Amino acid sequence: MPTLNWIGKEAVVNHDKEVPFRLLKKVKAHSVGNSQNLIIKGDNLEGLKALMPYYIGKVKCIYIDPPYNTGNENWVYNDKVNSPKIKKWLGKVVGGEAQDLCRHDKWLCMMYPRLKLLRDLLSDDGVIFVSIDENEVHNLRTLMDEIFNQDNFLSQITWKREERANYRRCY
């Protein structure tokens, strides 16, 4: 099975185990009724780790929409992986090159431990859906094959973008 190697991979392969467990605290003011649903505010890596004691191997469906690593800051959320906490961590993992946050190795370092935790949350018959664009789809597919096993891949869904006047110049 093909695997990816990149600057910093050795440091992130087991990073999911290094993330400390956090307690989930119920905020009564934000609760509605007696629902068992959860909204977690915070770093998603820490949030995933906090779910482990309750949901390991029990989640049937996961949908994620990670940063597309385009460098575009005009989205609803910033598409760069540039929170101060992640910048500091990436600086330790990949060295001085961490300043260029659009590099693929930074994106891979950010995604790998999160995907490992998501895999652990999935039930044996669970599925994960990931939205991504052409900028990282090839890296994501190889990561997913490595972490989830390529035999578990079901399909890739592609949709046609709305064409803009300058879109064709890109290809």
Protein backbone atom coordinates (compact mmCIF):
# COMPACT_ATOMS: atom_id res chain seq x y z
CA MET A 1 0.00 0.00 0.00
CA PRO A 2 1.44 3.42 -0.90
CA THR A 3 2.18 5.81 1.92
CA LEU A 4 3.15 9.46 1.99
CA ASN A 5 6.33 10.78 3.54
CA TRP A 6 6.78 14.47 4.28
CA ILE A 7 8.73 16.81 6.53
CA GLY A 8 7.38 16.34 10.04
CA LYS A 9 5.56 13.04 9.56
CA GLU A 10 7.62 11.22 12.19
CA ALA A 11 6.52 13.81 14.75
CA VAL A 12 2.79 13.49 14.01
CA VAL A 13 2.27 9.75 13.49
CA ASN A 14 1.59 9.27 17.21
CA HIS A 15 0.68 12.85 18.10
CA ASP A 16 -2.94 11.82 18.74
CA LYS A 17 -1.69 9.87 21.78
CA GLU A 18 0.18 12.92 23.12
CA VAL A 19 -2.88 15.19 23.10
CA PRO A 20 -4.14 15.42 26.68
CA PHE A 21 -7.68 14.37 27.50
CA ARG A 22 -10.02 17.25 28.30
CA LEU A 23 -13.29 17.04 30.15
CA LEU A 24 -16.45 18.03 28.36
CA LYS A 25 -18.31 20.62 30.42
CA LYS A 26 -22.01 21.12 29.97
CA VAL A 27 -23.01 24.77 29.69
CA LYS A 28 -26.61 24.81 30.86
CA ALA A 29 -27.25 28.24 29.29
CA HIS A 30 -26.48 26.75 25.85
CA SER A 31 -28.55 23.61 26.33
CA VAL A 32 -31.98 23.07 24.85
CA GLY A 33 -34.14 20.41 26.41
CA ASN A 34 -32.69 17.00 27.23
CA SER A 35 -31.04 16.36 23.88
CA GLN A 36 -27.98 14.12 23.80
CA ASN A 37 -26.49 16.19 20.98
CA LEU A 38 -23.21 18.03 21.53
CA ILE A 39 -21.69 21.24 20.30
CA ILE A 40 -18.04 21.46 21.22
CA LYS A 41 -16.30 24.81 21.16
CA GLY A 42 -12.52 24.67 20.99
CA ASP A 43 -9.61 23.17 19.12
CA ASN A 44 -10.94 20.25 17.09
CA LEU A 45 -8.01 17.99 18.01
CA GLU A 46 -8.72 18.47 21.72
CA GLY A 47 -12.45 18.13 21.06
CA LEU A 48 -11.95 14.80 19.30
CA LYS A 49 -9.78 13.54 22.14
CA ALA A 50 -12.47 14.59 24.65
CA LEU A 51 -15.01 12.45 22.78
CA MET A 52 -12.89 9.29 22.99
CA PRO A 53 -14.04 7.98 26.40
CA TYR A 54 -17.68 8.24 25.33
CA TYR A 55 -17.75 7.46 21.62
CA ILE A 56 -14.74 5.33 20.65
CA GLY A 57 -15.93 2.85 18.03
CA LYS A 58 -19.53 4.09 18.20
CA VAL A 59 -19.88 6.84 15.57
CA LYS A 60 -21.71 5.76 12.42
CA CYS A 61 -21.27 8.88 10.27
CA ILE A 62 -18.66 11.64 10.24
CA TYR A 63 -18.54 14.67 7.95
CA ILE A 64 -15.57 17.03 7.98
CA ASP A 65 -14.74 20.09 5.92
CA PRO A 66 -11.07 20.78 6.70
CA PRO A 67 -9.13 23.78 5.38
CA TYR A 68 -8.50 23.39 1.65
CA ASN A 69 -4.99 24.84 2.05
CA THR A 70 -5.45 27.39 -0.72
CA GLY A 71 -4.24 30.36 1.31
CA ASN A 72 -7.54 32.11 0.64
CA GLU A 73 -8.58 34.21 3.63
CA ASN A 74 -11.88 35.38 2.11
CA TRP A 75 -13.86 32.32 3.23
CA VAL A 76 -16.25 32.14 6.14
CA TYR A 77 -13.25 30.82 8.07
CA ASN A 78 -9.57 31.45 7.43
CA ASP A 79 -8.34 28.75 5.03
CA LYS A 80 -4.79 28.86 6.33
CA VAL A 81 -3.70 26.68 9.20
CA ASN A 82 -2.53 29.67 11.20
CA SER A 83 -3.82 29.76 14.75
CA PRO A 84 -0.99 30.78 17.12
CA LYS A 85 -1.15 27.38 18.83
CA ILE A 86 -0.85 25.45 15.55
CA LYS A 87 1.86 27.79 14.23
CA LYS A 88 3.95 27.16 17.34
CA TRP A 89 3.40 23.42 17.12
CA LEU A 90 4.25 23.33 13.39
CA GLY A 91 7.43 25.29 14.08
CA LYS A 92 8.53 22.48 16.40
CA VAL A 93 7.44 19.73 14.01
CA VAL A 94 8.80 21.00 10.68
CA GLY A 95 11.24 23.73 11.67
CA GLY A 96 11.70 27.19 10.20
CA GLU A 97 9.70 26.43 7.07
CA ALA A 98 6.55 26.56 9.21
CA GLN A 99 6.12 30.23 8.31
CA ASP A 100 4.82 29.21 4.86
CA LEU A 101 1.53 27.75 6.04
CA CYS A 102 0.23 26.82 2.58
CA ARG A 103 2.89 24.16 2.11
CA HIS A 104 1.47 20.67 1.77
CA ASP A 105 3.60 19.23 4.59
CA LYS A 106 2.05 21.64 7.09
CA TRP A 107 -1.43 20.64 5.99
CA LEU A 108 -0.52 16.95 6.25
CA CYS A 109 0.90 17.47 9.76
CA MET A 110 -2.34 19.14 10.81
CA MET A 111 -4.61 16.49 9.26
CA TYR A 112 -2.86 13.25 10.24
CA PRO A 113 -3.58 13.18 14.00
CA ARG A 114 -7.15 14.38 13.47
CA LEU A 115 -7.88 11.63 10.95
CA LYS A 116 -6.42 9.02 13.32
CA LEU A 117 -8.76 10.14 16.10
CA LEU A 118 -11.71 10.18 13.70
CA ARG A 119 -10.86 6.61 12.65
CA ASP A 120 -10.91 5.54 16.29
CA LEU A 121 -14.33 7.13 16.78
CA LEU A 122 -15.88 5.32 13.80
CA SER A 123 -17.85 2.13 14.32
CA ASP A 124 -16.93 -0.90 12.20
CA ASP A 125 -19.77 -0.06 9.82
CA GLY A 126 -19.27 3.72 10.04
CA VAL A 127 -18.49 6.06 7.15
CA ILE A 128 -16.56 9.30 6.87
CA PHE A 129 -17.22 12.00 4.30
CA VAL A 130 -14.61 14.69 3.63
CA SER A 131 -15.05 17.82 1.51
CA ILE A 132 -11.85 18.97 -0.18
CA ASP A 133 -10.83 20.61 -3.44
CA GLU A 134 -8.20 19.75 -6.04
CA ASN A 135 -5.43 21.42 -4.06
CA GLU A 136 -5.16 18.61 -1.46
CA VAL A 137 -7.39 15.81 -2.77
CA HIS A 138 -4.44 13.64 -3.83
CA ASN A 139 -2.74 14.01 -0.43
CA LEU A 140 -6.01 13.44 1.43
CA ARG A 141 -6.72 10.24 -0.51
CA THR A 142 -3.29 8.81 0.28
CA LEU A 143 -3.64 9.79 3.96
CA MET A 144 -7.10 8.24 4.14
CA ASP A 145 -5.83 5.02 2.52
CA GLU A 146 -2.99 4.85 5.05
CA ILE A 147 -5.12 5.59 8.12
CA PHE A 148 -8.45 3.96 7.20
CA ASN A 149 -7.05 1.25 4.85
CA GLN A 150 -7.49 1.57 1.10
CA ASP A 151 -9.87 -1.42 1.05
CA ASN A 152 -12.40 0.70 2.97
CA PHE A 153 -12.60 3.38 0.28
CA LEU A 154 -16.09 3.49 -1.25
CA SER A 155 -16.19 6.34 -3.75
CA GLN A 156 -15.19 9.87 -4.63
CA ILE A 157 -17.94 12.34 -5.44
CA THR A 158 -17.01 15.18 -7.75
CA TRP A 159 -19.16 18.19 -8.50
CA LYS A 160 -18.70 20.75 -11.23
CA ARG A 161 -17.89 24.23 -10.06
CA GLU A 162 -19.70 27.26 -11.27
CA GLU A 163 -17.60 28.57 -14.15
CA ARG A 164 -16.25 32.06 -13.82
CA ALA A 165 -14.75 34.18 -16.56
CA ASN A 166 -11.16 33.61 -15.43
CA TYR A 167 -11.64 29.99 -14.32
CA ARG A 168 -10.50 28.45 -17.62
CA ARG A 169 -7.19 30.29 -17.45
CA CYS A 170 -6.23 28.14 -14.47
CA TYR A 171 -6.18 24.95 -16.55
